[in-house]
Structures are given as C-alpha cells and as structure tokens.
Amino acid sequence: MTAVSASPAIDVRHLSKSFNARKVVDDVSLTVGRGEIYGFLGPNGSGKTTSIRLMCGLLTPDSGSGTCLGFDILRESASIKRRVGYMTQKFSFWDDLTIRENLDFVARLFEMKNRKEAVEQALENLGLQGRARQLTGALSGGWKQRLALAACMLHKPELLLLDEPTAGVDPTARRDFWDELHNLAAQGISVLVSTHYMDEAERCHKLAYIAYGKLLAAGTSADIVAAQGLHTVAVHGGRLHALAGQLEKAPGVEQTVMFGASLHVSGRDKDTLMHAVTGAAGENQRIEAAETSLEDVFIYMMNRSRDNFEVRQ
C-alpha cells in the first residue's frame, strides 16, 4: 500500500493564466488531499484543462504559487512530472501496436529498468492480459480507456490527473473505470479528474466547479448544494414545457429545468417559489417538494457565469 503523506497532493493559491490577452484561469485556489478523488467540473472552455496543467507544473502560471506532491510548481516541475500520471482528453496511443507493445513503448520513455515486469503488472492490474496481443486500433472505447489508465500507472505515480477520461465511453465501462479509481484512492493515490457527468461527480470525495476561468464552488457535493440555498419543486404531468415558459419570469423562480417526465423549478425563497408554482400549474399537474440535486445547482451556477471569451460590444 502506498504511504500517505501529511502534505496535500495539490495545494495551489491564486493561479492565473492568460492567452492572447484573455484570462483563461482567474485566481484559482484549490487543495486536494492525499488519497482523495477530487472532481473538476465546468462547461467546455471553462479552463479545466489549463488549470490541471498549471497545478502539476506542465504550464507556468502568470501569477500564483503552490505545491504538487510537496514540490514547488514553479521551480520543481521536473520532480512533479516523474510522480504524476496524466491521462489526456484525447486517446494518444498507437493503433498499429498491440496493447503490450504500447505499454512497453511507454515504459521505455520512462527509462524503466524493470519495464517487462512493470508492463505485465499493468496488464494484470487492469484486466488486459487476455487482450495483450490485440491491436489497439481494434479496441472499443472502454478498452482504450483501460489501456490509457494502465499506461498512466506504469511508473507508480502518487497522483493521477485525468482530463475527461470517460468521454464517449459506455455506462458499464464508466462504472468499471470508477471502481478502479476508488481502488487506487484506497491505496493512497490521489486523483484529480475532470468530468461532465453528474453521476461521476457524485462519486468524488470532493468537487470544484470552474466556469470561464473562475472557481465558483468547492467542497463535498452536499456542501456545494447547501451553499447555493436553493429550494426545488418537481412538477409531473402534461404540458410541462408550457409551464416552464410561464414560470421563467415568475416571482421567486430562479430556474426551470426539464428532467425526463418532470419539471424542476428552483428558487431561494421556499414560500414564494411554492406560491408561484401552485398558481401556474394546471389541474392535471402534480406538485411535490424535491431535493435540490447537484445537477440543479451546476446548471444554476453555469447560467449565472459570464463567458470570458464572449465578444462584448
């Protein structure tokens, strides 16, 4: 089992980064504990990938400071890179090599002296032995994902940085992948993972939500939901789309979101919200109090954040 250090896996303060005079990361501070799975959420173009690269020394911030695995992100990036496994958003292995050949190539890049043993161990740990001779180009998304994770783990990193690792992967493969992440976390390995999936977010120990470069919320899912102070009412029945349009500007209504066969209506004042919904709902529409979900909250925050790349008049 990996020894767990007392220092945080990531501890960064006031990170900022601009490209072409546009601030992509704006004053982001974050702490990730050892053995913690930390979810990083936000809309496309929000600065998640840039933030991840800043935190592990792959990019130099314009301002800010911090440590990753106890090393200074500004002065000791080389030491950080040797101890981090980074899984990029885009699958980046060779289609005309087998799974084993790909892993062996990565082990050579790391100049691993025991590379054959490390490759065999990675194949076993990720359940890839039976497909070790299969060409990578013939793999499904789920098996490619396992290969990418196996490659990340070859050099036994203390921290995994995973950039939307399950995009385009079927639900069963996503579940198996997350089971493996929790196995790794139990061994003391820290994980920072960006995702768009709410079911994955809820499997993280803690979460951070970034929108257009700014960190809007951080903590456990319960903390983030509670901090927004939203009350939610669910409406069931027909003509919900029309009801949503009617409620959009009603007093006490902050948000309306369709969830399958129901409409979630949220607001900060419980009594005003309920008065608005009961006054607008029809006889064949059933109203009930609902628990405000993580997805309700993230939609709420996203709708109130401003795109830092939008063209302003």
C-alpha atoms as a PDB file:
ATOM      1  CA  MET A   1       0.000   0.000   0.000  1.00  0.00           C
ATOM      2  CA  THR A   2       1.275   3.497  -0.857  1.00  0.00           C
ATOM      3  CA  ALA A   3       2.359   5.553   2.145  1.00  0.00           C
ATOM      4  CA  VAL A   4       0.147   8.587   2.643  1.00  0.00           C
ATOM      5  CA  SER A   5       1.993  11.878   3.225  1.00  0.00           C
ATOM      6  CA  ALA A   6       0.695  14.506   5.618  1.00  0.00           C
ATOM      7  CA  SER A   7       1.064  17.232   2.980  1.00  0.00           C
ATOM      8  CA  PRO A   8      -1.711  17.758   0.416  1.00  0.00           C
ATOM      9  CA  ALA A   9      -1.356  16.206  -3.019  1.00  0.00           C
ATOM     10  CA  ILE A  10      -2.156  19.624  -4.529  1.00  0.00           C
ATOM     11  CA  ASP A  11      -2.114  22.958  -2.722  1.00  0.00           C
ATOM     12  CA  VAL A  12      -2.249  25.974  -5.052  1.00  0.00           C
ATOM     13  CA  ARG A  13      -3.127  29.609  -4.436  1.00  0.00           C
ATOM     14  CA  HIS A  14      -4.322  32.388  -6.750  1.00  0.00           C
ATOM     15  CA  LEU A  15      -3.318  30.764 -10.045  1.00  0.00           C
ATOM     16  CA  SER A  16      -3.954  32.880 -13.135  1.00  0.00           C
ATOM     17  CA  LYS A  17      -3.107  32.315 -16.794  1.00  0.00           C
ATOM     18  CA  SER A  18      -3.861  34.331 -19.934  1.00  0.00           C
ATOM     19  CA  PHE A  19      -3.552  33.538 -23.620  1.00  0.00           C
ATOM     20  CA  ASN A  20      -3.769  36.310 -26.216  1.00  0.00           C
ATOM     21  CA  ALA A  21      -4.880  38.821 -23.578  1.00  0.00           C
ATOM     22  CA  ARG A  22      -7.747  36.522 -22.478  1.00  0.00           C
ATOM     23  CA  LYS A  23      -7.660  35.275 -18.890  1.00  0.00           C
ATOM     24  CA  VAL A  24      -8.306  31.539 -19.113  1.00  0.00           C
ATOM     25  CA  VAL A  25      -7.660  30.829 -15.406  1.00  0.00           C
ATOM     26  CA  ASP A  26      -8.538  33.602 -12.981  1.00  0.00           C
ATOM     27  CA  ASP A  27      -7.347  33.473  -9.341  1.00  0.00           C
ATOM     28  CA  VAL A  28      -7.931  29.755  -8.739  1.00  0.00           C
ATOM     29  CA  SER A  29      -7.033  28.258  -5.338  1.00  0.00           C
ATOM     30  CA  LEU A  30      -7.507  24.557  -4.599  1.00  0.00           C
ATOM     31  CA  THR A  31      -6.383  21.890  -2.125  1.00  0.00           C
ATOM     32  CA  VAL A  32      -6.552  18.158  -2.865  1.00  0.00           C
ATOM     33  CA  GLY A  33      -5.812  15.715  -0.048  1.00  0.00           C
ATOM     34  CA  ARG A  34      -3.800  12.523  -0.334  1.00  0.00           C
ATOM     35  CA  GLY A  35      -5.903   9.532  -1.335  1.00  0.00           C
ATOM     36  CA  GLU A  36      -8.724  11.841  -2.372  1.00  0.00           C
ATOM     37  CA  ILE A  37     -10.738  11.713  -5.598  1.00  0.00           C
ATOM     38  CA  TYR A  38     -11.353  15.347  -6.492  1.00  0.00           C
ATOM     39  CA  GLY A  39     -13.803  16.101  -9.290  1.00  0.00           C
ATOM     40  CA  PHE A  40     -13.228  19.111 -11.506  1.00  0.00           C
ATOM     41  CA  LEU A  41     -16.363  20.272 -13.296  1.00  0.00           C
ATOM     42  CA  GLY A  42     -17.327  23.061 -15.646  1.00  0.00           C
ATOM     43  CA  PRO A  43     -18.618  23.814 -19.145  1.00  0.00           C
ATOM     44  CA  ASN A  44     -16.451  23.407 -22.237  1.00  0.00           C
ATOM     45  CA  GLY A  45     -13.867  26.177 -22.468  1.00  0.00           C
ATOM     46  CA  SER A  46     -14.065  26.904 -18.741  1.00  0.00           C
ATOM     47  CA  GLY A  47     -10.339  26.480 -18.070  1.00  0.00           C
ATOM     48  CA  LYS A  48     -10.369  22.980 -16.546  1.00  0.00           C
ATOM     49  CA  THR A  49      -7.557  21.548 -18.675  1.00  0.00           C
ATOM     50  CA  THR A  50      -5.383  24.655 -18.292  1.00  0.00           C
ATOM     51  CA  SER A  51      -5.909  24.594 -14.522  1.00  0.00           C
ATOM     52  CA  ILE A  52      -4.890  20.936 -14.325  1.00  0.00           C
ATOM     53  CA  ARG A  53      -1.705  21.638 -16.272  1.00  0.00           C
ATOM     54  CA  LEU A  54      -0.856  24.601 -14.060  1.00  0.00           C
ATOM     55  CA  MET A  55      -1.315  22.530 -10.918  1.00  0.00           C
ATOM     56  CA  CYS A  56       1.212  19.892 -11.951  1.00  0.00           C
ATOM     57  CA  GLY A  57       3.858  22.169 -13.458  1.00  0.00           C
ATOM     58  CA  LEU A  58       3.140  21.422 -17.111  1.00  0.00           C
ATOM     59  CA  LEU A  59       2.310  25.123 -17.592  1.00  0.00           C
ATOM     60  CA  THR A  60       3.769  28.119 -15.791  1.00  0.00           C
ATOM     61  CA  PRO A  61       1.144  30.475 -14.304  1.00  0.00           C
ATOM     62  CA  ASP A  62       1.288  34.219 -14.925  1.00  0.00           C
ATOM     63  CA  SER A  63       0.737  34.632 -11.191  1.00  0.00           C
ATOM     64  CA  GLY A  64       0.110  32.459  -8.173  1.00  0.00           C
ATOM     65  CA  SER A  65       2.017  29.729  -6.387  1.00  0.00           C
ATOM     66  CA  GLY A  66       1.650  26.312  -4.856  1.00  0.00           C
ATOM     67  CA  THR A  67       2.882  22.771  -4.432  1.00  0.00           C
ATOM     68  CA  CYS A  68       2.108  19.446  -6.052  1.00  0.00           C
ATOM     69  CA  LEU A  69       3.152  16.352  -4.081  1.00  0.00           C
ATOM     70  CA  GLY A  70       5.207  18.675  -1.896  1.00  0.00           C
ATOM     71  CA  PHE A  71       7.181  20.162  -4.806  1.00  0.00           C
ATOM     72  CA  ASP A  72       7.001  23.785  -5.874  1.00  0.00           C
ATOM     73  CA  ILE A  73       5.045  24.064  -9.138  1.00  0.00           C
ATOM     74  CA  LEU A  74       7.241  26.951 -10.338  1.00  0.00           C
ATOM     75  CA  ARG A  75      10.710  25.617  -9.507  1.00  0.00           C
ATOM     76  CA  GLU A  76      10.394  21.821  -9.268  1.00  0.00           C
ATOM     77  CA  SER A  77       8.165  20.832 -12.178  1.00  0.00           C
ATOM     78  CA  ALA A  78      10.575  18.074 -13.300  1.00  0.00           C
ATOM     79  CA  SER A  79      10.233  16.303  -9.933  1.00  0.00           C
ATOM     80  CA  ILE A  80       6.439  16.596 -10.140  1.00  0.00           C
ATOM     81  CA  LYS A  81       6.250  15.098 -13.634  1.00  0.00           C
ATOM     82  CA  ARG A  82       8.093  11.951 -12.524  1.00  0.00           C
ATOM     83  CA  ARG A  83       5.469  11.326  -9.836  1.00  0.00           C
ATOM     84  CA  VAL A  84       2.289  12.145 -11.773  1.00  0.00           C
ATOM     85  CA  GLY A  85       0.249  10.102 -14.231  1.00  0.00           C
ATOM     86  CA  TYR A  86      -1.547  12.286 -16.792  1.00  0.00           C
ATOM     87  CA  MET A  87      -4.379  10.910 -18.924  1.00  0.00           C
ATOM     88  CA  THR A  88      -5.243  13.349 -21.682  1.00  0.00           C
ATOM     89  CA  GLN A  89      -8.671  14.010 -23.103  1.00  0.00           C
ATOM     90  CA  LYS A  90      -7.667  12.599 -26.484  1.00  0.00           C
ATOM     91  CA  PHE A  91      -6.586   8.966 -26.801  1.00  0.00           C
ATOM     92  CA  SER A  92      -2.916   9.218 -27.764  1.00  0.00           C
ATOM     93  CA  PHE A  93      -1.609   5.686 -28.280  1.00  0.00           C
ATOM     94  CA  TRP A  94      -0.614   3.878 -31.461  1.00  0.00           C
ATOM     95  CA  ASP A  95      -3.341   1.983 -33.316  1.00  0.00           C
ATOM     96  CA  ASP A  96      -0.898  -0.270 -35.175  1.00  0.00           C
ATOM     97  CA  LEU A  97       0.740  -1.544 -31.973  1.00  0.00           C
ATOM     98  CA  THR A  98      -0.699  -4.146 -29.617  1.00  0.00           C
ATOM     99  CA  ILE A  99      -1.672  -3.286 -26.059  1.00  0.00           C
ATOM    100  CA  ARG A 100       1.548  -4.839 -24.738  1.00  0.00           C
ATOM    101  CA  GLU A 101       3.681  -3.043 -27.330  1.00  0.00           C
ATOM    102  CA  ASN A 102       2.112   0.298 -26.434  1.00  0.00           C
ATOM    103  CA  LEU A 103       2.783  -0.226 -22.736  1.00  0.00           C
ATOM    104  CA  ASP A 104       6.340  -1.368 -23.443  1.00  0.00           C
ATOM    105  CA  PHE A 105       6.940   1.770 -25.509  1.00  0.00           C
ATOM    106  CA  VAL A 106       5.697   3.992 -22.673  1.00  0.00           C
ATOM    107  CA  ALA A 107       7.913   2.102 -20.203  1.00  0.00           C
ATOM    108  CA  ARG A 108      10.902   2.792 -22.484  1.00  0.00           C
ATOM    109  CA  LEU A 109      10.039   6.505 -22.470  1.00  0.00           C
ATOM    110  CA  PHE A 110      10.160   6.424 -18.669  1.00  0.00           C
ATOM    111  CA  GLU A 111      13.509   4.562 -18.928  1.00  0.00           C
ATOM    112  CA  MET A 112      12.189   1.925 -16.540  1.00  0.00           C
ATOM    113  CA  LYS A 113      14.817  -0.694 -15.715  1.00  0.00           C
ATOM    114  CA  ASN A 114      12.193  -3.308 -14.869  1.00  0.00           C
ATOM    115  CA  ARG A 115       9.917  -2.432 -17.754  1.00  0.00           C
ATOM    116  CA  LYS A 116       8.900  -6.022 -18.660  1.00  0.00           C
ATOM    117  CA  GLU A 117       7.755  -6.713 -15.102  1.00  0.00           C
ATOM    118  CA  ALA A 118       6.003  -3.315 -14.942  1.00  0.00           C
ATOM    119  CA  VAL A 119       4.159  -3.978 -18.206  1.00  0.00           C
ATOM    120  CA  GLU A 120       2.994  -7.414 -17.066  1.00  0.00           C
ATOM    121  CA  GLN A 121       1.846  -5.954 -13.741  1.00  0.00           C
ATOM    122  CA  ALA A 122      -0.104  -3.198 -15.503  1.00  0.00           C
ATOM    123  CA  LEU A 123      -1.756  -5.756 -17.803  1.00  0.00           C
ATOM    124  CA  GLU A 124      -2.806  -7.807 -14.783  1.00  0.00           C
ATOM    125  CA  ASN A 125      -3.999  -4.878 -12.675  1.00  0.00           C
ATOM    126  CA  LEU A 126      -6.296  -3.542 -15.424  1.00  0.00           C
ATOM    127  CA  GLY A 127      -7.513  -6.936 -16.672  1.00  0.00           C
ATOM    128  CA  LEU A 128      -5.757  -6.603 -20.026  1.00  0.00           C
ATOM    129  CA  GLN A 129      -3.845  -9.920 -20.166  1.00  0.00           C
ATOM    130  CA  GLY A 130      -6.386 -11.595 -22.452  1.00  0.00           C
ATOM    131  CA  ARG A 131      -6.128  -8.759 -24.965  1.00  0.00           C
ATOM    132  CA  ALA A 132      -2.413  -8.029 -24.657  1.00  0.00           C
ATOM    133  CA  ARG A 133      -1.752  -9.083 -28.271  1.00  0.00           C
ATOM    134  CA  GLN A 134      -4.729  -7.235 -29.726  1.00  0.00           C
ATOM    135  CA  LEU A 135      -4.060  -4.246 -31.951  1.00  0.00           C
ATOM    136  CA  THR A 136      -5.021  -1.046 -30.173  1.00  0.00           C
ATOM    137  CA  GLY A 137      -6.875   0.293 -33.214  1.00  0.00           C
ATOM    138  CA  ALA A 138      -9.412  -2.557 -32.886  1.00  0.00           C
ATOM    139  CA  LEU A 139     -10.296  -1.756 -29.252  1.00  0.00           C
ATOM    140  CA  SER A 140     -13.599  -0.290 -28.083  1.00  0.00           C
ATOM    141  CA  GLY A 141     -13.664   2.981 -26.147  1.00  0.00           C
ATOM    142  CA  GLY A 142     -13.780   1.174 -22.796  1.00  0.00           C
ATOM    143  CA  TRP A 143     -10.724  -0.975 -23.520  1.00  0.00           C
ATOM    144  CA  LYS A 144      -8.792   2.013 -24.877  1.00  0.00           C
ATOM    145  CA  GLN A 145      -9.594   3.746 -21.614  1.00  0.00           C
ATOM    146  CA  ARG A 146      -8.170   0.823 -19.638  1.00  0.00           C
ATOM    147  CA  LEU A 147      -5.003   0.916 -21.738  1.00  0.00           C
ATOM    148  CA  ALA A 148      -4.603   4.649 -21.100  1.00  0.00           C
ATOM    149  CA  LEU A 149      -5.020   4.158 -17.357  1.00  0.00           C
ATOM    150  CA  ALA A 150      -2.554   1.244 -17.369  1.00  0.00           C
ATOM    151  CA  ALA A 151      -0.006   3.454 -19.122  1.00  0.00           C
ATOM    152  CA  CYS A 152      -0.569   6.196 -16.504  1.00  0.00           C
ATOM    153  CA  MET A 153       0.116   3.700 -13.713  1.00  0.00           C
ATOM    154  CA  LEU A 154       3.289   2.114 -15.141  1.00  0.00           C
ATOM    155  CA  HIS A 155       5.680   4.291 -13.140  1.00  0.00           C
ATOM    156  CA  LYS A 156       3.588   4.015  -9.945  1.00  0.00           C
ATOM    157  CA  PRO A 157       2.544   7.684  -9.669  1.00  0.00           C
ATOM    158  CA  GLU A 158       1.351   9.299  -6.457  1.00  0.00           C
ATOM    159  CA  LEU A 159      -1.177  11.498  -8.297  1.00  0.00           C
ATOM    160  CA  LEU A 160      -3.386  10.872 -11.318  1.00  0.00           C
ATOM    161  CA  LEU A 161      -4.592  13.784 -13.454  1.00  0.00           C
ATOM    162  CA  LEU A 162      -7.446  12.613 -15.654  1.00  0.00           C
ATOM    163  CA  ASP A 163      -8.889  15.002 -18.234  1.00  0.00           C
ATOM    164  CA  GLU A 164     -12.453  13.859 -19.079  1.00  0.00           C
ATOM    165  CA  PRO A 165     -11.291  10.222 -19.218  1.00  0.00           C
ATOM    166  CA  THR A 166     -14.722   8.663 -19.799  1.00  0.00           C
ATOM    167  CA  ALA A 167     -15.993  10.870 -22.643  1.00  0.00           C
ATOM    168  CA  GLY A 168     -17.670   8.665 -25.242  1.00  0.00           C
ATOM    169  CA  VAL A 169     -17.427   5.501 -23.112  1.00  0.00           C
ATOM    170  CA  ASP A 170     -20.465   3.301 -22.426  1.00  0.00           C
ATOM    171  CA  PRO A 171     -22.052   3.303 -18.922  1.00  0.00           C
ATOM    172  CA  THR A 172     -20.738  -0.139 -17.924  1.00  0.00           C
ATOM    173  CA  ALA A 173     -17.160   0.767 -18.830  1.00  0.00           C
ATOM    174  CA  ARG A 174     -17.530   4.087 -16.972  1.00  0.00           C
ATOM    175  CA  ARG A 175     -18.704   2.270 -13.844  1.00  0.00           C
ATOM    176  CA  ASP A 176     -15.803  -0.196 -14.016  1.00  0.00           C
ATOM    177  CA  PHE A 177     -13.369   2.691 -14.504  1.00  0.00           C
ATOM    178  CA  TRP A 178     -14.663   4.485 -11.412  1.00  0.00           C
ATOM    179  CA  ASP A 179     -14.487   1.317  -9.356  1.00  0.00           C
ATOM    180  CA  GLU A 180     -10.800   1.155 -10.293  1.00  0.00           C
ATOM    181  CA  LEU A 181     -10.278   4.810  -9.304  1.00  0.00           C
ATOM    182  CA  HIS A 182     -11.705   4.093  -5.856  1.00  0.00           C
ATOM    183  CA  ASN A 183      -9.394   1.076  -5.548  1.00  0.00           C
ATOM    184  CA  LEU A 184      -6.425   3.334  -6.315  1.00  0.00           C
ATOM    185  CA  ALA A 185      -7.595   6.010  -3.873  1.00  0.00           C
ATOM    186  CA  ALA A 186      -7.841   3.357  -1.163  1.00  0.00           C
ATOM    187  CA  GLN A 187      -4.114   2.691  -1.759  1.00  0.00           C
ATOM    188  CA  GLY A 188      -3.327   6.365  -1.084  1.00  0.00           C
ATOM    189  CA  ILE A 189      -3.158   7.541  -4.698  1.00  0.00           C
ATOM    190  CA  SER A 190      -4.733  10.959  -5.241  1.00  0.00           C
ATOM    191  CA  VAL A 191      -6.919  11.631  -8.268  1.00  0.00           C
ATOM    192  CA  LEU A 192      -7.928  14.909  -9.896  1.00  0.00           C
ATOM    193  CA  VAL A 193     -10.488  14.161 -12.593  1.00  0.00           C
ATOM    194  CA  SER A 194     -12.461  16.471 -14.856  1.00  0.00           C
ATOM    195  CA  THR A 195     -15.892  15.265 -15.960  1.00  0.00           C
ATOM    196  CA  HIS A 196     -19.222  16.390 -17.390  1.00  0.00           C
ATOM    197  CA  TYR A 197     -21.206  13.502 -15.880  1.00  0.00           C
ATOM    198  CA  MET A 198     -23.185  14.187 -12.714  1.00  0.00           C
ATOM    199  CA  ASP A 199     -23.198  10.528 -11.641  1.00  0.00           C
ATOM    200  CA  GLU A 200     -19.393  10.618 -11.756  1.00  0.00           C
ATOM    201  CA  ALA A 201     -19.288  13.895  -9.849  1.00  0.00           C
ATOM    202  CA  GLU A 202     -21.294  12.309  -7.047  1.00  0.00           C
ATOM    203  CA  ARG A 203     -18.710   9.512  -6.761  1.00  0.00           C
ATOM    204  CA  CYS A 204     -15.942  12.011  -5.956  1.00  0.00           C
ATOM    205  CA  HIS A 205     -14.908  12.728  -2.382  1.00  0.00           C
ATOM    206  CA  LYS A 206     -14.862  16.449  -3.143  1.00  0.00           C
ATOM    207  CA  LEU A 207     -15.685  18.699  -6.087  1.00  0.00           C
ATOM    208  CA  ALA A 208     -14.677  22.009  -7.596  1.00  0.00           C
ATOM    209  CA  TYR A 209     -16.759  23.871 -10.165  1.00  0.00           C
ATOM    210  CA  ILE A 210     -14.998  26.247 -12.547  1.00  0.00           C
ATOM    211  CA  ALA A 211     -16.784  28.415 -15.109  1.00  0.00           C
ATOM    212  CA  TYR A 212     -14.937  30.583 -17.612  1.00  0.00           C
ATOM    213  CA  GLY A 213     -11.746  30.663 -15.584  1.00  0.00           C
ATOM    214  CA  LYS A 214     -13.231  31.361 -12.150  1.00  0.00           C
ATOM    215  CA  LEU A 215     -13.652  28.843  -9.347  1.00  0.00           C
ATOM    216  CA  LEU A 216     -17.285  29.175  -8.243  1.00  0.00           C
ATOM    217  CA  ALA A 217     -17.593  26.424  -5.636  1.00  0.00           C
ATOM    218  CA  ALA A 218     -15.536  23.745  -3.895  1.00  0.00           C
ATOM    219  CA  GLY A 219     -16.209  21.101  -1.247  1.00  0.00           C
ATOM    220  CA  THR A 220     -18.303  17.973  -0.871  1.00  0.00           C
ATOM    221  CA  SER A 221     -21.379  17.630  -3.074  1.00  0.00           C
ATOM    222  CA  ALA A 222     -23.574  18.262  -0.012  1.00  0.00           C
ATOM    223  CA  ASP A 223     -21.588  21.422   0.813  1.00  0.00           C
ATOM    224  CA  ILE A 224     -21.933  22.780  -2.725  1.00  0.00           C
ATOM    225  CA  VAL A 225     -25.675  22.125  -2.883  1.00  0.00           C
ATOM    226  CA  ALA A 226     -26.282  23.662   0.548  1.00  0.00           C
ATOM    227  CA  ALA A 227     -24.180  26.756  -0.230  1.00  0.00           C
ATOM    228  CA  GLN A 228     -26.485  27.825  -3.081  1.00  0.00           C
ATOM    229  CA  GLY A 229     -29.525  27.900  -0.799  1.00  0.00           C
ATOM    230  CA  LEU A 230     -31.937  26.650  -3.456  1.00  0.00           C
ATOM    231  CA  HIS A 231     -35.306  25.035  -2.825  1.00  0.00           C
ATOM    232  CA  THR A 232     -36.735  22.825  -5.576  1.00  0.00           C
ATOM    233  CA  VAL A 233     -40.232  21.756  -6.559  1.00  0.00           C
ATOM    234  CA  ALA A 234     -40.906  18.926  -9.029  1.00  0.00           C
ATOM    235  CA  VAL A 235     -43.962  19.111 -11.290  1.00  0.00           C
ATOM    236  CA  HIS A 236     -45.299  15.996 -13.034  1.00  0.00           C
ATOM    237  CA  GLY A 237     -47.901  15.726 -15.775  1.00  0.00           C
ATOM    238  CA  GLY A 238     -48.537  17.097 -19.251  1.00  0.00           C
ATOM    239  CA  ARG A 239     -47.711  20.429 -20.881  1.00  0.00           C
ATOM    240  CA  LEU A 240     -44.606  20.920 -18.753  1.00  0.00           C
ATOM    241  CA  HIS A 241     -42.781  22.857 -21.459  1.00  0.00           C
ATOM    242  CA  ALA A 242     -45.558  25.458 -21.490  1.00  0.00           C
ATOM    243  CA  LEU A 243     -45.493  25.628 -17.704  1.00  0.00           C
ATOM    244  CA  ALA A 244     -41.719  26.178 -17.745  1.00  0.00           C
ATOM    245  CA  GLY A 245     -42.130  29.137 -20.083  1.00  0.00           C
ATOM    246  CA  GLN A 246     -44.847  30.570 -17.877  1.00  0.00           C
ATOM    247  CA  LEU A 247     -42.706  30.285 -14.744  1.00  0.00           C
ATOM    248  CA  GLU A 248     -39.417  31.617 -16.137  1.00  0.00           C
ATOM    249  CA  LYS A 249     -40.105  35.193 -15.030  1.00  0.00           C
ATOM    250  CA  ALA A 250     -42.410  34.450 -12.108  1.00  0.00           C
ATOM    251  CA  PRO A 251     -41.527  35.924  -8.682  1.00  0.00           C
ATOM    252  CA  GLY A 252     -39.411  33.550  -6.616  1.00  0.00           C
ATOM    253  CA  VAL A 253     -38.431  31.342  -9.575  1.00  0.00           C
ATOM    254  CA  GLU A 254     -34.683  31.246 -10.263  1.00  0.00           C
ATOM    255  CA  GLN A 255     -34.578  28.312 -12.676  1.00  0.00           C
ATOM    256  CA  THR A 256     -36.696  25.769 -14.553  1.00  0.00           C
ATOM    257  CA  VAL A 257     -35.110  22.549 -15.861  1.00  0.00           C
ATOM    258  CA  MET A 258     -36.724  19.543 -17.544  1.00  0.00           C
ATOM    259  CA  PHE A 259     -35.708  16.190 -16.034  1.00  0.00           C
ATOM    260  CA  GLY A 260     -37.303  13.449 -18.114  1.00  0.00           C
ATOM    261  CA  ALA A 261     -41.037  13.426 -17.358  1.00  0.00           C
ATOM    262  CA  SER A 262     -40.832  16.095 -14.654  1.00  0.00           C
ATOM    263  CA  LEU A 263     -40.020  19.781 -14.393  1.00  0.00           C
ATOM    264  CA  HIS A 264     -37.705  21.021 -11.647  1.00  0.00           C
ATOM    265  CA  VAL A 265     -38.430  24.572 -10.519  1.00  0.00           C
ATOM    266  CA  SER A 266     -35.921  26.154  -8.134  1.00  0.00           C
ATOM    267  CA  GLY A 267     -35.736  29.341  -6.099  1.00  0.00           C
ATOM    268  CA  ARG A 268     -34.213  30.753  -2.940  1.00  0.00           C
ATOM    269  CA  ASP A 269     -37.432  31.626  -1.077  1.00  0.00           C
ATOM    270  CA  LYS A 270     -39.420  28.437  -0.435  1.00  0.00           C
ATOM    271  CA  ASP A 271     -42.805  30.059   0.171  1.00  0.00           C
ATOM    272  CA  THR A 272     -42.616  32.428  -2.816  1.00  0.00           C
ATOM    273  CA  LEU A 273     -41.465  29.560  -5.033  1.00  0.00           C
ATOM    274  CA  MET A 274     -44.316  27.273  -3.990  1.00  0.00           C
ATOM    275  CA  HIS A 275     -46.852  30.094  -4.415  1.00  0.00           C
ATOM    276  CA  ALA A 276     -45.647  30.719  -7.976  1.00  0.00           C
ATOM    277  CA  VAL A 277     -45.750  27.040  -8.952  1.00  0.00           C
ATOM    278  CA  THR A 278     -49.152  26.286  -7.432  1.00  0.00           C
ATOM    279  CA  GLY A 279     -50.617  29.387  -9.053  1.00  0.00           C
ATOM    280  CA  ALA A 280     -49.369  28.425 -12.526  1.00  0.00           C
ATOM    281  CA  ALA A 281     -49.805  24.639 -12.519  1.00  0.00           C
ATOM    282  CA  GLY A 282     -52.865  23.064 -14.077  1.00  0.00           C
ATOM    283  CA  GLU A 283     -55.340  20.629 -12.518  1.00  0.00           C
ATOM    284  CA  ASN A 284     -53.662  17.609 -14.136  1.00  0.00           C
ATOM    285  CA  GLN A 285     -50.183  18.564 -12.971  1.00  0.00           C
ATOM    286  CA  ARG A 286     -48.917  17.140  -9.693  1.00  0.00           C
ATOM    287  CA  ILE A 287     -46.585  19.189  -7.480  1.00  0.00           C
ATOM    288  CA  GLU A 288     -44.215  17.876  -4.844  1.00  0.00           C
ATOM    289  CA  ALA A 289     -41.190  19.150  -2.944  1.00  0.00           C
ATOM    290  CA  ALA A 290     -37.946  17.721  -4.313  1.00  0.00           C
ATOM    291  CA  GLU A 291     -34.384  17.532  -3.082  1.00  0.00           C
ATOM    292  CA  THR A 292     -32.177  20.017  -4.923  1.00  0.00           C
ATOM    293  CA  SER A 293     -29.744  17.917  -6.919  1.00  0.00           C
ATOM    294  CA  LEU A 294     -26.119  18.536  -7.791  1.00  0.00           C
ATOM    295  CA  GLU A 295     -27.191  18.927 -11.406  1.00  0.00           C
ATOM    296  CA  ASP A 296     -29.771  21.582 -10.438  1.00  0.00           C
ATOM    297  CA  VAL A 297     -27.010  23.522  -8.705  1.00  0.00           C
ATOM    298  CA  PHE A 298     -24.458  23.236 -11.505  1.00  0.00           C
ATOM    299  CA  ILE A 299     -26.968  24.401 -14.109  1.00  0.00           C
ATOM    300  CA  TYR A 300     -27.845  27.288 -11.806  1.00  0.00           C
ATOM    301  CA  MET A 301     -24.202  28.337 -11.414  1.00  0.00           C
ATOM    302  CA  MET A 302     -23.401  27.913 -15.101  1.00  0.00           C
ATOM    303  CA  ASN A 303     -26.325  30.091 -16.174  1.00  0.00           C
ATOM    304  CA  ARG A 304     -25.071  32.864 -13.908  1.00  0.00           C
ATOM    305  CA  SER A 305     -21.450  32.808 -15.014  1.00  0.00           C
ATOM    306  CA  ARG A 306     -20.131  35.000 -17.802  1.00  0.00           C
ATOM    307  CA  ASP A 307     -18.175  33.670 -20.770  1.00  0.00           C
ATOM    308  CA  ASN A 308     -14.726  35.270 -20.638  1.00  0.00           C
ATOM    309  CA  PHE A 309     -14.319  34.774 -24.406  1.00  0.00           C
ATOM    310  CA  GLU A 310     -17.614  36.336 -25.498  1.00  0.00           C
ATOM    311  CA  VAL A 311     -17.386  39.334 -27.783  1.00  0.00           C
ATOM    312  CA  ARG A 312     -18.528  42.395 -25.849  1.00  0.00           C
ATOM    313  CA  GLN A 313     -19.895  45.500 -27.543  1.00  0.00           C
END
